[in-house]
Amino acid sequence: MGHEETLADDLLRGLRAIARFTGDSKSRTAALCEAGLIPVGKERGLWIASRRRLCEHYARLTAGVNFAPDHEKALAADEAQPSCTGHDH
């Protein structure tokens, strides 16, 4: 039987976890979060992100299509993008 991914598997909590996943420094990650340049949110003052959404964002970015929070249709249209696998938990 395969491993069924849970929400907990997908979530990154805190700048350190997000930075480790993206390979950026903590300070660069903070700047990207504050500027709204990566798909993240805050929960009680703690930055949170979805591994899947970050992978989709960087796949679009490297394909020449930038993330925009109000473009949910673009997110759905990108289902054919390669998935970001091989992350460690």
PDB file of N, CA and C in Angstrom:
ATOM      1  N   MET A   1       0.841  -1.188   0.000  1.00  0.00           N
ATOM      2  CA  MET A   1       0.000   0.000   0.000  1.00  0.00           C
ATOM      3  C   MET A   1       0.881   1.244   0.000  1.00  0.00           C
ATOM      4  N   GLY A   2       0.461   2.257  -0.736  1.00  0.00           N
ATOM      5  CA  GLY A   2       1.225   3.491  -0.822  1.00  0.00           C
ATOM      6  C   GLY A   2       0.930   4.412   0.341  1.00  0.00           C
ATOM      7  N   HIS A   3       1.806   5.341   0.524  1.00  0.00           N
ATOM      8  CA  HIS A   3       1.648   6.340   1.575  1.00  0.00           C
ATOM      9  C   HIS A   3       0.671   7.403   1.100  1.00  0.00           C
ATOM     10  N   GLU A   4      -0.388   7.640   1.856  1.00  0.00           N
ATOM     11  CA  GLU A   4      -1.345   8.683   1.527  1.00  0.00           C
ATOM     12  C   GLU A   4      -0.874   9.964   2.195  1.00  0.00           C
ATOM     13  N   GLU A   5      -0.618  10.992   1.392  1.00  0.00           N
ATOM     14  CA  GLU A   5      -0.110  12.244   1.925  1.00  0.00           C
ATOM     15  C   GLU A   5      -1.199  12.966   2.705  1.00  0.00           C
ATOM     16  N   THR A   6      -0.835  13.484   3.855  1.00  0.00           N
ATOM     17  CA  THR A   6      -1.763  14.238   4.691  1.00  0.00           C
ATOM     18  C   THR A   6      -1.435  15.714   4.600  1.00  0.00           C
ATOM     19  N   LEU A   7      -2.315  16.537   5.134  1.00  0.00           N
ATOM     20  CA  LEU A   7      -2.072  17.969   5.186  1.00  0.00           C
ATOM     21  C   LEU A   7      -0.792  18.252   5.968  1.00  0.00           C
ATOM     22  N   ALA A   8      -0.593  17.508   7.050  1.00  0.00           N
ATOM     23  CA  ALA A   8       0.614  17.694   7.862  1.00  0.00           C
ATOM     24  C   ALA A   8       1.876  17.429   7.041  1.00  0.00           C
ATOM     25  N   ASP A   9       1.812  16.473   6.091  1.00  0.00           N
ATOM     26  CA  ASP A   9       2.958  16.191   5.232  1.00  0.00           C
ATOM     27  C   ASP A   9       3.260  17.376   4.321  1.00  0.00           C
ATOM     28  N   ASP A  10       2.232  18.116   3.938  1.00  0.00           N
ATOM     29  CA  ASP A  10       2.383  19.211   2.979  1.00  0.00           C
ATOM     30  C   ASP A  10       2.779  20.534   3.631  1.00  0.00           C
ATOM     31  N   LEU A  11       2.396  20.758   4.882  1.00  0.00           N
ATOM     32  CA  LEU A  11       2.613  22.058   5.511  1.00  0.00           C
ATOM     33  C   LEU A  11       4.046  22.276   5.980  1.00  0.00           C
ATOM     34  N   LEU A  12       4.490  23.492   5.799  1.00  0.00           N
ATOM     35  CA  LEU A  12       5.764  23.968   6.351  1.00  0.00           C
ATOM     36  C   LEU A  12       5.408  25.074   7.331  1.00  0.00           C
ATOM     37  N   ARG A  13       5.916  24.980   8.536  1.00  0.00           N
ATOM     38  CA  ARG A  13       5.596  25.986   9.562  1.00  0.00           C
ATOM     39  C   ARG A  13       6.859  26.720   9.977  1.00  0.00           C
ATOM     40  N   GLY A  14       6.851  28.029   9.759  1.00  0.00           N
ATOM     41  CA  GLY A  14       7.968  28.875  10.160  1.00  0.00           C
ATOM     42  C   GLY A  14       8.942  29.150   9.022  1.00  0.00           C
ATOM     43  N   LEU A  15       9.631  30.278   9.147  1.00  0.00           N
ATOM     44  CA  LEU A  15      10.587  30.690   8.114  1.00  0.00           C
ATOM     45  C   LEU A  15      11.700  29.673   7.914  1.00  0.00           C
ATOM     46  N   ARG A  16      12.185  29.092   8.995  1.00  0.00           N
ATOM     47  CA  ARG A  16      13.285  28.127   8.881  1.00  0.00           C
ATOM     48  C   ARG A  16      12.883  26.933   8.014  1.00  0.00           C
ATOM     49  N   ALA A  17      11.674  26.393   8.247  1.00  0.00           N
ATOM     50  CA  ALA A  17      11.203  25.243   7.462  1.00  0.00           C
ATOM     51  C   ALA A  17      10.984  25.616   5.999  1.00  0.00           C
ATOM     52  N   ILE A  18      10.418  26.793   5.762  1.00  0.00           N
ATOM     53  CA  ILE A  18      10.186  27.245   4.388  1.00  0.00           C
ATOM     54  C   ILE A  18      11.519  27.466   3.683  1.00  0.00           C
ATOM     55  N   ALA A  19      12.464  28.113   4.369  1.00  0.00           N
ATOM     56  CA  ALA A  19      13.785  28.373   3.784  1.00  0.00           C
ATOM     57  C   ALA A  19      14.525  27.069   3.483  1.00  0.00           C
ATOM     58  N   ARG A  20      14.455  26.131   4.376  1.00  0.00           N
ATOM     59  CA  ARG A  20      15.122  24.847   4.163  1.00  0.00           C
ATOM     60  C   ARG A  20      14.538  24.145   2.933  1.00  0.00           C
ATOM     61  N   PHE A  21      13.225  24.208   2.772  1.00  0.00           N
ATOM     62  CA  PHE A  21      12.570  23.557   1.640  1.00  0.00           C
ATOM     63  C   PHE A  21      12.932  24.223   0.312  1.00  0.00           C
ATOM     64  N   THR A  22      12.972  25.559   0.291  1.00  0.00           N
ATOM     65  CA  THR A  22      13.252  26.276  -0.962  1.00  0.00           C
ATOM     66  C   THR A  22      14.737  26.417  -1.242  1.00  0.00           C
ATOM     67  N   GLY A  23      15.557  26.235  -0.211  1.00  0.00           N
ATOM     68  CA  GLY A  23      16.996  26.381  -0.394  1.00  0.00           C
ATOM     69  C   GLY A  23      17.481  27.814  -0.281  1.00  0.00           C
ATOM     70  N   ASP A  24      16.620  28.701   0.171  1.00  0.00           N
ATOM     71  CA  ASP A  24      16.996  30.099   0.376  1.00  0.00           C
ATOM     72  C   ASP A  24      17.424  30.327   1.818  1.00  0.00           C
ATOM     73  N   SER A  25      18.086  31.453   2.052  1.00  0.00           N
ATOM     74  CA  SER A  25      18.431  31.817   3.425  1.00  0.00           C
ATOM     75  C   SER A  25      17.155  32.236   4.153  1.00  0.00           C
ATOM     76  N   LYS A  26      17.209  32.217   5.461  1.00  0.00           N
ATOM     77  CA  LYS A  26      16.060  32.622   6.265  1.00  0.00           C
ATOM     78  C   LYS A  26      15.719  34.093   6.011  1.00  0.00           C
ATOM     79  N   SER A  27      16.737  34.942   5.862  1.00  0.00           N
ATOM     80  CA  SER A  27      16.472  36.369   5.639  1.00  0.00           C
ATOM     81  C   SER A  27      15.853  36.615   4.259  1.00  0.00           C
ATOM     82  N   ARG A  28      16.326  35.890   3.241  1.00  0.00           N
ATOM     83  CA  ARG A  28      15.737  36.034   1.905  1.00  0.00           C
ATOM     84  C   ARG A  28      14.299  35.525   1.923  1.00  0.00           C
ATOM     85  N   THR A  29      14.056  34.417   2.596  1.00  0.00           N
ATOM     86  CA  THR A  29      12.710  33.870   2.694  1.00  0.00           C
ATOM     87  C   THR A  29      11.785  34.864   3.387  1.00  0.00           C
ATOM     88  N   ALA A  30      12.256  35.491   4.458  1.00  0.00           N
ATOM     89  CA  ALA A  30      11.456  36.493   5.164  1.00  0.00           C
ATOM     90  C   ALA A  30      11.097  37.644   4.232  1.00  0.00           C
ATOM     91  N   ALA A  31      12.068  38.102   3.451  1.00  0.00           N
ATOM     92  CA  ALA A  31      11.818  39.205   2.517  1.00  0.00           C
ATOM     93  C   ALA A  31      10.799  38.800   1.453  1.00  0.00           C
ATOM     94  N   LEU A  32      10.909  37.585   0.934  1.00  0.00           N
ATOM     95  CA  LEU A  32       9.957  37.100  -0.069  1.00  0.00           C
ATOM     96  C   LEU A  32       8.554  36.985   0.514  1.00  0.00           C
ATOM     97  N   CYS A  33       8.462  36.499   1.757  1.00  0.00           N
ATOM     98  CA  CYS A  33       7.164  36.378   2.427  1.00  0.00           C
ATOM     99  C   CYS A  33       6.539  37.750   2.642  1.00  0.00           C
ATOM    100  N   GLU A  34       7.310  38.660   3.207  1.00  0.00           N
ATOM    101  CA  GLU A  34       6.803  40.007   3.509  1.00  0.00           C
ATOM    102  C   GLU A  34       6.362  40.737   2.250  1.00  0.00           C
ATOM    103  N   ALA A  35       7.054  40.519   1.149  1.00  0.00           N
ATOM    104  CA  ALA A  35       6.728  41.194  -0.110  1.00  0.00           C
ATOM    105  C   ALA A  35       5.595  40.499  -0.868  1.00  0.00           C
ATOM    106  N   GLY A  36       5.152  39.341  -0.386  1.00  0.00           N
ATOM    107  CA  GLY A  36       4.086  38.619  -1.063  1.00  0.00           C
ATOM    108  C   GLY A  36       4.539  37.967  -2.365  1.00  0.00           C
ATOM    109  N   LEU A  37       5.822  37.654  -2.461  1.00  0.00           N
ATOM    110  CA  LEU A  37       6.369  37.102  -3.696  1.00  0.00           C
ATOM    111  C   LEU A  37       6.334  35.583  -3.766  1.00  0.00           C
ATOM    112  N   ILE A  38       6.021  34.944  -2.651  1.00  0.00           N
ATOM    113  CA  ILE A  38       5.844  33.490  -2.653  1.00  0.00           C
ATOM    114  C   ILE A  38       4.511  33.180  -1.964  1.00  0.00           C
ATOM    115  N   PRO A  39       3.885  32.060  -2.320  1.00  0.00           N
ATOM    116  CA  PRO A  39       2.563  31.739  -1.775  1.00  0.00           C
ATOM    117  C   PRO A  39       2.632  31.215  -0.339  1.00  0.00           C
ATOM    118  N   VAL A  40       2.501  32.126   0.602  1.00  0.00           N
ATOM    119  CA  VAL A  40       2.549  31.799   2.029  1.00  0.00           C
ATOM    120  C   VAL A  40       1.427  32.539   2.739  1.00  0.00           C
ATOM    121  N   GLY A  41       1.211  32.194   3.983  1.00  0.00           N
ATOM    122  CA  GLY A  41       0.245  32.896   4.813  1.00  0.00           C
ATOM    123  C   GLY A  41       0.751  32.932   6.234  1.00  0.00           C
ATOM    124  N   LYS A  42       0.051  33.670   7.061  1.00  0.00           N
ATOM    125  CA  LYS A  42       0.416  33.745   8.470  1.00  0.00           C
ATOM    126  C   LYS A  42      -0.713  33.189   9.310  1.00  0.00           C
ATOM    127  N   GLU A  43      -0.335  32.407  10.294  1.00  0.00           N
ATOM    128  CA  GLU A  43      -1.287  31.874  11.265  1.00  0.00           C
ATOM    129  C   GLU A  43      -0.762  32.239  12.644  1.00  0.00           C
ATOM    130  N   ARG A  44      -1.464  33.141  13.313  1.00  0.00           N
ATOM    131  CA  ARG A  44      -1.039  33.619  14.637  1.00  0.00           C
ATOM    132  C   ARG A  44       0.411  34.085  14.645  1.00  0.00           C
ATOM    133  N   GLY A  45       0.787  34.811  13.593  1.00  0.00           N
ATOM    134  CA  GLY A  45       2.133  35.376  13.518  1.00  0.00           C
ATOM    135  C   GLY A  45       3.197  34.448  12.968  1.00  0.00           C
ATOM    136  N   LEU A  46       2.843  33.203  12.656  1.00  0.00           N
ATOM    137  CA  LEU A  46       3.807  32.223  12.143  1.00  0.00           C
ATOM    138  C   LEU A  46       3.573  32.028  10.649  1.00  0.00           C
ATOM    139  N   TRP A  47       4.633  32.204   9.855  1.00  0.00           N
ATOM    140  CA  TRP A  47       4.516  31.969   8.417  1.00  0.00           C
ATOM    141  C   TRP A  47       4.285  30.481   8.176  1.00  0.00           C
ATOM    142  N   ILE A  48       3.325  30.180   7.298  1.00  0.00           N
ATOM    143  CA  ILE A  48       3.070  28.791   6.907  1.00  0.00           C
ATOM    144  C   ILE A  48       3.022  28.723   5.381  1.00  0.00           C
ATOM    145  N   ALA A  49       3.382  27.576   4.840  1.00  0.00           N
ATOM    146  CA  ALA A  49       3.360  27.384   3.394  1.00  0.00           C
ATOM    147  C   ALA A  49       3.030  25.940   3.084  1.00  0.00           C
ATOM    148  N   SER A  50       2.590  25.726   1.879  1.00  0.00           N
ATOM    149  CA  SER A  50       2.309  24.401   1.357  1.00  0.00           C
ATOM    150  C   SER A  50       3.459  24.002   0.434  1.00  0.00           C
ATOM    151  N   ARG A  51       4.026  22.832   0.665  1.00  0.00           N
ATOM    152  CA  ARG A  51       5.080  22.339  -0.229  1.00  0.00           C
ATOM    153  C   ARG A  51       4.579  22.314  -1.673  1.00  0.00           C
ATOM    154  N   ARG A  52       3.359  21.817  -1.854  1.00  0.00           N
ATOM    155  CA  ARG A  52       2.786  21.701  -3.193  1.00  0.00           C
ATOM    156  C   ARG A  52       2.662  23.069  -3.862  1.00  0.00           C
ATOM    157  N   ARG A  53       2.139  24.051  -3.139  1.00  0.00           N
ATOM    158  CA  ARG A  53       1.970  25.396  -3.716  1.00  0.00           C
ATOM    159  C   ARG A  53       3.313  26.032  -4.026  1.00  0.00           C
ATOM    160  N   LEU A  54       4.308  25.839  -3.159  1.00  0.00           N
ATOM    161  CA  LEU A  54       5.636  26.378  -3.448  1.00  0.00           C
ATOM    162  C   LEU A  54       6.222  25.742  -4.703  1.00  0.00           C
ATOM    163  N   CYS A  55       6.066  24.428  -4.841  1.00  0.00           N
ATOM    164  CA  CYS A  55       6.564  23.745  -6.043  1.00  0.00           C
ATOM    165  C   CYS A  55       5.862  24.266  -7.291  1.00  0.00           C
ATOM    166  N   GLU A  56       4.552  24.432  -7.210  1.00  0.00           N
ATOM    167  CA  GLU A  56       3.794  24.957  -8.347  1.00  0.00           C
ATOM    168  C   GLU A  56       4.258  26.370  -8.690  1.00  0.00           C
ATOM    169  N   HIS A  57       4.472  27.188  -7.667  1.00  0.00           N
ATOM    170  CA  HIS A  57       4.925  28.565  -7.863  1.00  0.00           C
ATOM    171  C   HIS A  57       6.262  28.598  -8.601  1.00  0.00           C
ATOM    172  N   TYR A  58       7.226  27.820  -8.127  1.00  0.00           N
ATOM    173  CA  TYR A  58       8.548  27.836  -8.754  1.00  0.00           C
ATOM    174  C   TYR A  58       8.530  27.179 -10.131  1.00  0.00           C
ATOM    175  N   ALA A  59       7.657  26.207 -10.346  1.00  0.00           N
ATOM    176  CA  ALA A  59       7.521  25.620 -11.683  1.00  0.00           C
ATOM    177  C   ALA A  59       6.999  26.676 -12.657  1.00  0.00           C
ATOM    178  N   ARG A  60       5.992  27.463 -12.237  1.00  0.00           N
ATOM    179  CA  ARG A  60       5.470  28.533 -13.095  1.00  0.00           C
ATOM    180  C   ARG A  60       6.514  29.617 -13.298  1.00  0.00           C
ATOM    181  N   LEU A  61       7.198  29.974 -12.229  1.00  0.00           N
ATOM    182  CA  LEU A  61       8.186  31.042 -12.305  1.00  0.00           C
ATOM    183  C   LEU A  61       9.291  30.693 -13.293  1.00  0.00           C
ATOM    184  N   THR A  62       9.745  29.469 -13.252  1.00  0.00           N
ATOM    185  CA  THR A  62      10.818  29.077 -14.171  1.00  0.00           C
ATOM    186  C   THR A  62      10.292  28.833 -15.576  1.00  0.00           C
ATOM    187  N   ALA A  63       8.967  28.732 -15.723  1.00  0.00           N
ATOM    188  CA  ALA A  63       8.364  28.611 -17.053  1.00  0.00           C
ATOM    189  C   ALA A  63       7.995  29.983 -17.602  1.00  0.00           C
ATOM    190  N   GLY A  64       8.239  31.046 -16.801  1.00  0.00           N
ATOM    191  CA  GLY A  64       7.961  32.405 -17.246  1.00  0.00           C
ATOM    192  C   GLY A  64       6.590  32.928 -16.876  1.00  0.00           C
ATOM    193  N   VAL A  65       5.874  32.249 -15.976  1.00  0.00           N
ATOM    194  CA  VAL A  65       4.558  32.705 -15.527  1.00  0.00           C
ATOM    195  C   VAL A  65       4.656  32.992 -14.042  1.00  0.00           C
ATOM    196  N   ASN A  66       4.481  34.248 -13.646  1.00  0.00           N
ATOM    197  CA  ASN A  66       4.628  34.641 -12.247  1.00  0.00           C
ATOM    198  C   ASN A  66       3.381  34.357 -11.432  1.00  0.00           C
ATOM    199  N   PHE A  67       3.580  34.119 -10.128  1.00  0.00           N
ATOM    200  CA  PHE A  67       2.494  33.888  -9.181  1.00  0.00           C
ATOM    201  C   PHE A  67       1.749  35.189  -8.936  1.00  0.00           C
ATOM    202  N   ALA A  68       0.448  35.098  -8.920  1.00  0.00           N
ATOM    203  CA  ALA A  68      -0.388  36.224  -8.518  1.00  0.00           C
ATOM    204  C   ALA A  68      -1.516  35.641  -7.674  1.00  0.00           C
ATOM    205  N   PRO A  69      -1.679  36.114  -6.432  1.00  0.00           N
ATOM    206  CA  PRO A  69      -2.674  35.529  -5.531  1.00  0.00           C
ATOM    207  C   PRO A  69      -4.084  35.485  -6.099  1.00  0.00           C
ATOM    208  N   ASP A  70      -4.442  36.404  -7.002  1.00  0.00           N
ATOM    209  CA  ASP A  70      -5.797  36.431  -7.532  1.00  0.00           C
ATOM    210  C   ASP A  70      -5.968  35.601  -8.801  1.00  0.00           C
ATOM    211  N   HIS A  71      -4.999  34.812  -9.147  1.00  0.00           N
ATOM    212  CA  HIS A  71      -5.085  33.997 -10.351  1.00  0.00           C
ATOM    213  C   HIS A  71      -5.247  32.518 -10.015  1.00  0.00           C
ATOM    214  N   GLU A  72      -6.299  32.181  -9.296  1.00  0.00           N
ATOM    215  CA  GLU A  72      -6.545  30.794  -8.898  1.00  0.00           C
ATOM    216  C   GLU A  72      -6.744  29.888 -10.113  1.00  0.00           C
ATOM    217  N   LYS A  73      -7.278  30.439 -11.211  1.00  0.00           N
ATOM    218  CA  LYS A  73      -7.474  29.626 -12.411  1.00  0.00           C
ATOM    219  C   LYS A  73      -6.138  29.127 -12.947  1.00  0.00           C
ATOM    220  N   ALA A  74      -5.100  29.950 -12.834  1.00  0.00           N
ATOM    221  CA  ALA A  74      -3.777  29.542 -13.295  1.00  0.00           C
ATOM    222  C   ALA A  74      -3.269  28.366 -12.475  1.00  0.00           C
ATOM    223  N   LEU A  75      -3.599  28.341 -11.188  1.00  0.00           N
ATOM    224  CA  LEU A  75      -3.184  27.225 -10.342  1.00  0.00           C
ATOM    225  C   LEU A  75      -3.830  25.927 -10.810  1.00  0.00           C
ATOM    226  N   ALA A  76      -5.114  25.986 -11.112  1.00  0.00           N
ATOM    227  CA  ALA A  76      -5.820  24.794 -11.565  1.00  0.00           C
ATOM    228  C   ALA A  76      -5.326  24.346 -12.935  1.00  0.00           C
ATOM    229  N   ALA A  77      -4.966  25.288 -13.790  1.00  0.00           N
ATOM    230  CA  ALA A  77      -4.506  24.964 -15.137  1.00  0.00           C
ATOM    231  C   ALA A  77      -3.133  24.307 -15.138  1.00  0.00           C
ATOM    232  N   ASP A  78      -2.407  24.463 -14.065  1.00  0.00           N
ATOM    233  CA  ASP A  78      -1.044  23.932 -14.011  1.00  0.00           C
ATOM    234  C   ASP A  78      -0.971  22.496 -13.495  1.00  0.00           C
ATOM    235  N   GLU A  79      -2.082  21.802 -13.457  1.00  0.00           N
ATOM    236  CA  GLU A  79      -2.086  20.429 -12.960  1.00  0.00           C
ATOM    237  C   GLU A  79      -1.125  19.541 -13.746  1.00  0.00           C
ATOM    238  N   ALA A  80      -0.855  19.891 -15.006  1.00  0.00           N
ATOM    239  CA  ALA A  80       0.026  19.067 -15.839  1.00  0.00           C
ATOM    240  C   ALA A  80       1.501  19.284 -15.512  1.00  0.00           C
ATOM    241  N   GLN A  81       1.807  20.277 -14.672  1.00  0.00           N
ATOM    242  CA  GLN A  81       3.203  20.537 -14.302  1.00  0.00           C
ATOM    243  C   GLN A  81       3.763  19.345 -13.533  1.00  0.00           C
ATOM    244  N   PRO A  82       5.047  19.053 -13.703  1.00  0.00           N
ATOM    245  CA  PRO A  82       5.659  17.962 -12.929  1.00  0.00           C
ATOM    246  C   PRO A  82       5.527  18.258 -11.431  1.00  0.00           C
ATOM    247  N   SER A  83       5.248  17.221 -10.671  1.00  0.00           N
ATOM    248  CA  SER A  83       5.116  17.425  -9.233  1.00  0.00           C
ATOM    249  C   SER A  83       6.493  17.495  -8.594  1.00  0.00           C
ATOM    250  N   CYS A  84       6.545  18.145  -7.487  1.00  0.00           N
ATOM    251  CA  CYS A  84       7.788  18.306  -6.747  1.00  0.00           C
ATOM    252  C   CYS A  84       7.839  17.166  -5.737  1.00  0.00           C
ATOM    253  N   THR A  85       8.605  16.144  -6.014  1.00  0.00           N
ATOM    254  CA  THR A  85       8.661  15.000  -5.109  1.00  0.00           C
ATOM    255  C   THR A  85      10.076  14.859  -4.569  1.00  0.00           C
ATOM    256  N   GLY A  86      10.225  13.945  -3.681  1.00  0.00           N
ATOM    257  CA  GLY A  86      11.538  13.694  -3.129  1.00  0.00           C
ATOM    258  C   GLY A  86      11.884  14.615  -1.985  1.00  0.00           C
ATOM    259  N   HIS A  87      10.895  15.369  -1.455  1.00  0.00           N
ATOM    260  CA  HIS A  87      11.201  16.222  -0.308  1.00  0.00           C
ATOM    261  C   HIS A  87      11.329  15.360   0.937  1.00  0.00           C
ATOM    262  N   ASP A  88      12.168  15.831   1.834  1.00  0.00           N
ATOM    263  CA  ASP A  88      12.299  15.080   3.078  1.00  0.00           C
ATOM    264  C   ASP A  88      11.447  15.739   4.142  1.00  0.00           C
ATOM    265  N   HIS A  89      11.002  14.944   5.065  1.00  0.00           N
ATOM    266  CA  HIS A  89      10.138  15.446   6.149  1.00  0.00           C
ATOM    267  C   HIS A  89      10.919  15.516   7.407  1.00  0.00           C
TER     268      HIS A  89
END
